[in-house]
Protein backbone atom coordinates (compact mmCIF):
# COMPACT_ATOMS: atom_id res chain seq x y z
CA MET A 1 -32.50 -114.83 39.07
CA ARG A 2 -34.81 -111.62 39.81
CA VAL A 3 -33.11 -109.23 42.13
CA LYS A 4 -35.77 -107.63 44.57
CA SER A 5 -36.56 -103.84 44.34
CA SER A 6 -35.71 -103.20 47.73
CA TYR A 7 -32.07 -104.47 47.22
CA LEU A 8 -31.74 -102.53 43.83
CA PHE A 9 -32.77 -99.12 45.75
CA VAL A 10 -30.05 -99.78 48.57
CA ALA A 11 -27.59 -100.38 45.75
CA VAL A 12 -28.34 -97.10 43.95
CA VAL A 13 -28.35 -94.99 47.05
CA ALA A 14 -24.71 -96.58 48.24
CA ALA A 15 -23.37 -95.75 44.84
CA ALA A 16 -24.64 -92.28 44.79
CA VAL A 17 -23.11 -91.68 48.44
CA ALA A 18 -19.67 -92.95 47.25
CA LEU A 19 -19.45 -90.70 44.23
CA TYR A 20 -20.18 -87.87 46.31
CA PHE A 21 -17.18 -88.45 48.61
CA ILE A 22 -14.79 -89.15 45.77
CA VAL A 23 -15.76 -86.25 43.70
CA GLY A 24 -15.48 -83.73 46.91
CA SER A 25 -12.23 -85.03 47.66
CA LEU A 26 -10.87 -84.32 44.21
CA LEU A 27 -12.28 -80.85 44.39
CA HIS A 28 -10.60 -79.94 47.82
CA ALA A 29 -7.35 -81.28 46.92
CA GLY A 30 -6.82 -78.18 44.74
CA LYS A 31 -7.72 -75.56 47.17
CA PRO A 32 -5.33 -74.35 50.02
CA SER A 33 -6.04 -75.19 53.60
CA GLY A 34 -7.58 -72.30 55.91
CA GLU A 35 -4.22 -71.89 57.27
CA ALA A 36 -2.55 -71.15 53.98
CA GLN A 37 -5.31 -68.76 53.02
CA ALA A 38 -4.63 -66.61 56.10
CA LYS A 39 -0.86 -66.59 55.26
CA ALA A 40 -1.70 -65.39 51.77
CA ALA A 41 -3.81 -63.01 53.10
CA ALA A 42 -1.35 -61.76 55.43
CA ARG A 43 1.22 -61.13 52.81
CA PRO A 44 1.43 -57.32 51.88
CA VAL A 45 0.50 -56.25 48.32
CA ASP A 46 2.98 -53.62 47.08
CA ALA A 47 0.58 -51.18 45.09
CA ILE A 48 2.51 -47.86 45.35
CA PRO A 49 4.18 -47.24 42.09
CA THR A 50 7.94 -45.66 42.55
CA VAL A 51 8.87 -42.45 40.12
CA GLN A 52 12.21 -40.62 39.79
CA VAL A 53 12.06 -36.89 40.43
CA GLN A 54 14.21 -34.06 39.76
CA LEU A 55 14.04 -30.68 42.14
CA ALA A 56 13.65 -27.63 39.91
CA GLU A 57 14.61 -24.29 41.45
CA PRO A 58 13.08 -21.06 40.32
CA ALA A 59 15.36 -18.61 38.45
CA ALA A 60 14.90 -14.92 37.15
CA ARG A 61 14.91 -15.31 33.41
CA GLU A 62 13.81 -13.02 30.72
CA GLN A 63 10.04 -13.88 29.94
CA LEU A 64 9.58 -14.70 25.80
CA ILE A 65 6.17 -15.11 24.48
CA LEU A 66 6.74 -17.42 21.28
CA LEU A 67 4.12 -17.63 18.40
CA ARG A 68 3.88 -18.25 14.66
CA GLY A 69 3.39 -14.99 12.77
CA ARG A 70 3.78 -13.53 9.29
CA THR A 71 4.94 -10.44 7.45
CA GLU A 72 2.48 -7.86 6.13
CA ALA A 73 2.63 -4.40 4.34
CA ALA A 74 2.21 -1.51 6.96
CA ARG A 75 -0.10 0.08 4.51
CA ASN A 76 -1.90 -1.54 1.23
CA VAL A 77 -3.88 1.08 -0.82
CA THR A 78 -5.56 0.72 -4.21
CA VAL A 79 -5.36 3.96 -5.88
CA ARG A 80 -8.21 4.92 -7.89
CA ALA A 81 -8.99 7.58 -10.47
CA GLU A 82 -10.91 10.65 -9.05
CA THR A 83 -12.08 11.63 -12.72
CA ALA A 84 -13.19 10.00 -16.03
CA GLY A 85 -11.11 9.43 -18.81
CA VAL A 86 -8.91 7.33 -21.18
CA VAL A 87 -5.40 6.13 -19.71
CA ALA A 88 -2.70 7.93 -21.66
CA ARG A 89 0.57 6.82 -19.88
CA THR A 90 1.38 4.15 -17.13
CA PRO A 91 5.15 5.29 -16.48
CA ALA A 92 5.39 3.20 -13.11
CA VAL A 93 6.71 -0.37 -13.56
CA GLU A 94 5.17 -3.21 -11.46
CA GLY A 95 7.21 -4.48 -8.72
CA SER A 96 9.39 -0.94 -8.59
CA GLN A 97 9.76 1.43 -5.50
CA VAL A 98 7.97 4.64 -6.08
CA GLY A 99 8.19 7.93 -3.71
CA LYS A 100 5.33 9.77 -2.37
CA GLY A 101 3.45 11.59 -5.30
CA ALA A 102 5.12 9.67 -8.21
CA LEU A 103 2.85 9.36 -11.33
CA LEU A 104 1.17 5.69 -11.63
CA CYS A 105 -1.24 6.36 -14.25
CA GLN A 106 -1.99 9.50 -16.48
CA LEU A 107 -5.44 10.20 -18.22
CA ALA A 108 -5.90 11.99 -21.62
CA VAL A 109 -5.88 15.71 -20.76
CA ASP A 110 -8.82 16.51 -23.29
CA ALA A 111 -10.33 19.74 -22.87
CA ARG A 112 -9.27 19.99 -19.33
CA GLN A 113 -6.55 22.33 -20.30
CA ALA A 114 -8.72 24.49 -22.26
CA ALA A 115 -11.31 24.80 -19.38
CA VAL A 116 -7.89 26.05 -17.25
CA ASP A 117 -7.11 28.66 -19.74
CA GLN A 118 -10.44 29.87 -20.03
CA ALA A 119 -10.69 30.00 -16.26
CA ARG A 120 -7.47 32.03 -15.85
CA ALA A 121 -8.56 34.45 -18.58
CA ALA A 122 -11.67 34.95 -16.74
CA LEU A 123 -9.74 35.50 -13.79
CA ARG A 124 -7.22 38.31 -15.15
CA SER A 125 -10.36 40.11 -16.44
CA LYS A 126 -12.30 40.27 -13.05
CA ARG A 127 -8.88 41.32 -11.40
CA LEU A 128 -8.66 44.34 -13.77
CA GLN A 129 -12.26 45.18 -13.26
CA GLN A 130 -11.49 45.05 -9.51
CA GLN A 131 -8.58 47.28 -9.75
CA ALA A 132 -10.43 49.95 -11.86
CA SER A 133 -13.40 49.93 -9.50
CA ALA A 134 -11.13 50.52 -6.43
CA GLU A 135 -9.37 53.12 -8.29
CA LEU A 136 -12.61 54.79 -9.35
CA ALA A 137 -14.17 54.56 -5.76
CA ARG A 138 -10.72 56.46 -4.48
CA LYS A 139 -11.87 59.44 -6.66
CA GLY A 140 -15.42 59.42 -5.97
CA TYR A 141 -16.84 58.02 -8.97
CA ARG A 142 -17.85 54.43 -7.69
CA SER A 143 -19.61 53.62 -4.27
CA GLN A 144 -18.34 50.80 -1.65
CA THR A 145 -21.23 48.53 -2.71
CA GLN A 146 -19.82 48.65 -6.35
CA VAL A 147 -16.31 47.99 -5.20
CA LEU A 148 -17.31 45.04 -3.14
CA GLN A 149 -19.37 43.44 -5.97
CA SER A 150 -16.28 43.64 -7.94
CA GLN A 151 -14.29 41.72 -5.32
CA ALA A 152 -17.02 39.11 -5.07
CA GLU A 153 -16.84 38.68 -8.83
CA LEU A 154 -12.78 38.45 -8.41
CA ASP A 155 -13.28 35.71 -5.81
CA ALA A 156 -15.67 33.84 -7.79
CA ALA A 157 -13.38 33.88 -10.83
CA GLN A 158 -10.28 32.72 -8.49
CA ALA A 159 -12.52 29.57 -7.38
CA VAL A 160 -13.67 28.60 -10.84
CA ALA A 161 -9.97 28.68 -11.97
CA ARG A 162 -8.90 26.70 -9.03
CA GLN A 163 -11.81 24.16 -9.76
CA ALA A 164 -10.37 23.94 -13.40
CA GLU A 165 -6.89 23.45 -12.24
CA ILE A 166 -7.74 20.45 -9.95
CA ALA A 167 -9.88 18.84 -12.46
CA LEU A 168 -6.75 19.21 -14.63
CA GLU A 169 -4.42 17.72 -12.02
CA GLN A 170 -6.79 14.78 -11.42
CA VAL A 171 -5.77 13.12 -14.83
CA ASN A 172 -2.58 12.30 -12.61
CA ILE A 173 -3.12 9.30 -10.61
CA ARG A 174 -0.18 9.41 -8.00
CA ALA A 175 1.06 7.37 -5.28
CA PRO A 176 -0.34 8.33 -1.90
CA PHE A 177 3.09 7.39 -0.05
CA ALA A 178 6.44 6.02 -0.80
CA GLY A 179 6.52 2.16 -1.40
CA VAL A 180 6.27 -0.49 -4.01
CA PHE A 181 3.91 -0.43 -7.01
CA ASP A 182 2.84 -3.74 -6.67
CA ARG A 183 0.00 -4.29 -9.26
CA ARG A 184 -1.15 -2.41 -12.37
CA GLU A 185 -4.92 -2.50 -12.79
CA ALA A 186 -5.05 -0.42 -16.00
CA GLU A 187 -3.33 -0.23 -19.30
CA ILE A 188 -2.92 2.57 -21.81
CA GLY A 189 -6.07 2.74 -23.63
CA SER A 190 -8.23 1.59 -20.63
CA TYR A 191 -11.20 3.76 -19.92
CA LEU A 192 -11.32 4.60 -16.06
CA ALA A 193 -14.61 6.05 -14.30
CA PRO A 194 -14.36 7.90 -11.15
CA GLY A 195 -13.57 5.07 -8.32
CA GLN A 196 -11.77 2.44 -10.88
CA PRO A 197 -8.44 1.25 -9.84
CA CYS A 198 -5.29 2.31 -11.41
CA GLY A 199 -2.77 -0.07 -9.51
CA THR A 200 -2.19 -1.13 -5.91
CA VAL A 201 0.85 0.37 -3.56
CA ILE A 202 2.05 -1.23 -0.63
CA GLU A 203 4.33 0.06 2.04
CA LEU A 204 7.08 -2.40 3.31
CA ASP A 205 9.28 0.12 5.29
CA PRO A 206 8.49 -0.19 7.99
CA ILE A 207 6.85 -3.75 7.64
CA LEU A 208 4.40 -5.60 10.01
CA ILE A 209 4.74 -8.98 11.86
CA VAL A 210 1.65 -10.03 12.80
CA GLY A 211 0.44 -13.11 14.77
CA ASP A 212 -2.03 -14.33 17.22
CA VAL A 213 -1.39 -14.77 21.10
CA PRO A 214 -3.45 -17.15 23.39
CA GLU A 215 -5.60 -15.42 25.90
CA THR A 216 -3.57 -16.98 28.69
CA GLN A 217 -0.56 -14.84 27.38
CA ALA A 218 -2.49 -11.76 25.95
CA SER A 219 -2.17 -9.76 29.36
CA GLN A 220 1.62 -10.00 29.82
CA LEU A 221 2.01 -7.99 26.18
CA ARG A 222 2.61 -4.38 26.34
CA VAL A 223 2.95 -1.78 23.43
CA GLY A 224 6.49 -0.99 22.75
CA SER A 225 7.87 -4.18 24.07
CA GLY A 226 10.83 -5.75 21.99
CA ALA A 227 10.45 -8.51 19.56
CA ARG A 228 12.32 -10.42 16.92
CA ALA A 229 11.07 -12.55 14.08
CA ALA A 230 13.19 -15.22 12.46
CA LEU A 231 11.78 -15.42 8.68
CA VAL A 232 11.32 -18.51 6.90
CA SER A 233 13.31 -17.01 4.15
CA GLY A 234 16.32 -16.91 6.54
CA GLY A 235 16.66 -13.31 7.68
CA THR A 236 15.63 -11.83 10.95
CA LEU A 237 13.65 -8.52 12.02
CA ASP A 238 13.73 -6.56 15.13
CA GLY A 239 11.10 -4.72 16.03
CA THR A 240 8.44 -3.29 18.69
CA VAL A 241 5.03 -4.31 19.63
CA ARG A 242 2.55 -1.46 18.45
CA TYR A 243 -0.72 -3.01 18.78
CA VAL A 244 -2.35 -5.74 20.95
CA ALA A 245 -6.17 -6.43 20.25
CA ARG A 246 -8.58 -5.97 23.27
CA ASP A 247 -11.25 -8.28 21.54
CA ALA A 248 -10.60 -11.71 20.93
CA ASP A 249 -11.06 -13.62 17.66
CA PRO A 250 -14.58 -15.52 18.46
CA GLN A 251 -13.45 -18.70 16.62
CA THR A 252 -9.88 -19.24 17.91
CA ARG A 253 -10.14 -17.33 21.29
CA THR A 254 -6.82 -15.58 20.78
CA TYR A 255 -5.84 -11.99 20.27
CA ARG A 256 -3.96 -10.42 17.22
CA VAL A 257 -0.43 -8.68 17.72
CA GLU A 258 1.07 -6.48 15.34
CA ILE A 259 4.82 -5.69 15.41
CA THR A 260 6.43 -2.98 13.50
CA ALA A 261 10.13 -3.52 12.00
CA ARG A 262 12.51 -1.37 9.85
CA ASN A 263 12.94 -3.14 6.60
CA PRO A 264 15.01 -0.47 4.71
CA SER A 265 16.56 -2.83 1.74
CA LEU A 266 13.04 -4.26 1.52
CA LEU A 267 14.47 -7.69 1.55
CA ALA A 268 11.42 -8.86 3.74
CA ARG A 269 8.40 -9.41 1.55
CA SER A 270 4.67 -9.26 2.55
CA GLY A 271 3.51 -12.87 3.46
CA LEU A 272 6.47 -14.43 4.80
CA SER A 273 6.20 -16.82 7.75
CA ALA A 274 8.07 -15.95 10.85
CA ASP A 275 8.80 -17.53 14.31
CA VAL A 276 8.39 -14.60 16.51
CA ARG A 277 9.79 -13.90 20.17
CA ILE A 278 8.54 -11.19 22.25
CA ASN A 279 10.05 -9.64 25.53
CA ALA A 280 7.37 -9.90 28.09
CA GLY A 281 10.04 -8.54 31.04
CA MET A 282 11.68 -10.59 33.76
CA GLY A 283 10.03 -13.33 35.89
CA ALA A 284 10.47 -16.67 37.54
CA ALA A 285 11.32 -19.78 35.35
CA HIS A 286 12.20 -23.35 35.96
CA LEU A 287 14.61 -25.58 33.99
CA ILE A 288 13.21 -28.90 33.51
CA PRO A 289 13.96 -31.84 31.17
CA LEU A 290 12.13 -31.91 27.80
CA SER A 291 10.87 -35.43 28.28
CA SER A 292 9.07 -34.40 31.47
CA LEU A 293 6.28 -32.39 29.72
CA VAL A 294 3.09 -34.04 29.66
CA LEU A 295 -0.72 -33.34 28.87
CA ASP A 296 -3.61 -33.46 31.16
CA SER A 297 -7.05 -34.72 30.64
CA ALA A 298 -7.80 -31.02 29.36
CA GLY A 299 -5.00 -31.18 26.74
CA ARG A 300 -3.09 -28.62 28.94
CA GLN A 301 0.66 -28.88 28.58
CA GLY A 302 2.50 -29.14 31.80
CA VAL A 303 4.51 -31.32 34.49
CA ARG A 304 3.44 -33.84 37.03
CA PHE A 305 5.37 -33.21 40.37
CA VAL A 306 5.38 -34.83 43.77
CA GLN A 307 3.85 -32.65 46.63
CA ALA A 308 5.10 -32.70 50.29
CA ASP A 309 2.62 -35.16 51.35
CA GLY A 310 3.86 -37.80 48.41
CA ARG A 311 0.89 -37.21 46.32
CA VAL A 312 0.92 -36.42 42.56
CA ALA A 313 -0.11 -32.85 41.27
CA PHE A 314 -0.22 -31.43 37.73
CA GLY A 315 1.03 -27.92 36.90
CA ALA A 316 0.31 -26.14 33.84
CA VAL A 317 3.42 -24.45 32.04
CA THR A 318 4.23 -22.20 29.03
CA VAL A 319 7.52 -23.07 27.40
CA LEU A 320 10.00 -20.01 27.13
CA GLU A 321 12.93 -21.28 25.42
CA GLU A 322 14.67 -24.78 24.65
CA THR A 323 17.97 -25.24 25.19
CA PRO A 324 20.62 -28.53 25.19
CA GLN A 325 20.26 -28.52 28.89
CA GLY A 326 16.61 -28.53 28.87
CA VAL A 327 13.66 -26.57 28.33
CA TRP A 328 12.72 -23.22 30.54
CA VAL A 329 9.36 -22.84 31.52
CA SER A 330 6.84 -20.49 33.74
CA GLY A 331 3.91 -21.48 35.43
CA LEU A 332 5.34 -23.00 38.30
CA GLN A 333 5.59 -21.63 41.98
CA GLY A 334 8.92 -22.32 44.30
CA ALA A 335 10.84 -25.39 44.27
CA VAL A 336 9.32 -28.43 42.57
CA ARG A 337 10.04 -31.97 42.58
CA VAL A 338 9.22 -32.61 38.72
CA ILE A 339 8.71 -36.62 37.99
CA THR A 340 11.00 -37.31 35.28
CA VAL A 341 10.55 -41.12 35.18
CA GLY A 342 7.10 -42.76 35.54
CA GLN A 343 5.31 -39.42 34.82
CA SER A 344 3.08 -40.80 32.34
CA TYR A 345 1.97 -43.87 34.47
CA VAL A 346 0.56 -42.06 37.67
CA ALA A 347 -2.21 -39.67 37.98
CA GLU A 348 -3.24 -36.52 40.01
CA GLY A 349 -3.76 -37.22 43.64
CA GLN A 350 -2.23 -40.55 43.55
CA LYS A 351 0.66 -41.52 46.13
CA VAL A 352 3.78 -42.48 44.94
CA ARG A 353 7.30 -43.26 46.38
CA LEU A 354 10.19 -41.47 45.20
CA ALA A 355 13.63 -42.86 43.84
CA ALA A 356 16.88 -41.24 43.17
CA ALA A 357 17.59 -40.55 39.66
CA HIS A 358 20.08 -42.31 38.18
């Protein structure tokens, strides 16, 4: 039996309408009603974080600048020959203490002693001539001009003799100051031309402790301030600041600091690493937990604290000293509510709620 096309069209339309209502009812079944949506919107959302704080009060404390340093010889000189010659003696032992003027290397005398003897003989002759000329002038047999000429010849002979004596003394290469003969550069039989080295002398008493201080702390240092250096070898040195650079290192933006300290037993060697503490006077400091220290976006070390309006702020600090009770820092102003729990999860300017520390 053939179905008319008009009946077929009506049946298709009716099926489509029925399918539409069925699908719509299924989709709306999972959605809340308008009343439910209004209630959900009315519920408060707790988006304000809670942090714990500790009140840090300022206290007067000795300001210390901490830096990593190293020891250096106060003076380090390579002693060189002033005249040419073959090394004949090397009496100084490497690593031994030498006094000022101690003989380090001695060159062969060669003809220098003969030159001295000749100059001294000529000097004696000119002196006798000058005395005879003066005596003849006193008796009226010589003019004053002749007397002056004899004196001039005597003076020239004295200069030649002195020159020969200096040339003879220059074969002795001596220590310019008391210190340690650290390294020999010439051995017996070596030929030294003027300017070539005999060896190196270093001065270790007093000794220097040098380091680099950040630009933020350079202005706090003063020449004459007390300092203490704990050496990696286990000893300590007490000294004073003798020099603070005015020109920063262009690469590190730090300033060189030199501390001079007594080292009478020479136990401290040059080149030892040291932890240096420099006294920068009295100032305000805060005692805070070590765990409260954080870094800001610029890499500065500091703490996050809560201001009077309940918002977070960041304060850069400098660590002065670590103690079992916490760390003493400088850089904060007045009483500060330091965040001790949650400081890593809040940002500057964010509103927070305070909870009492347990």
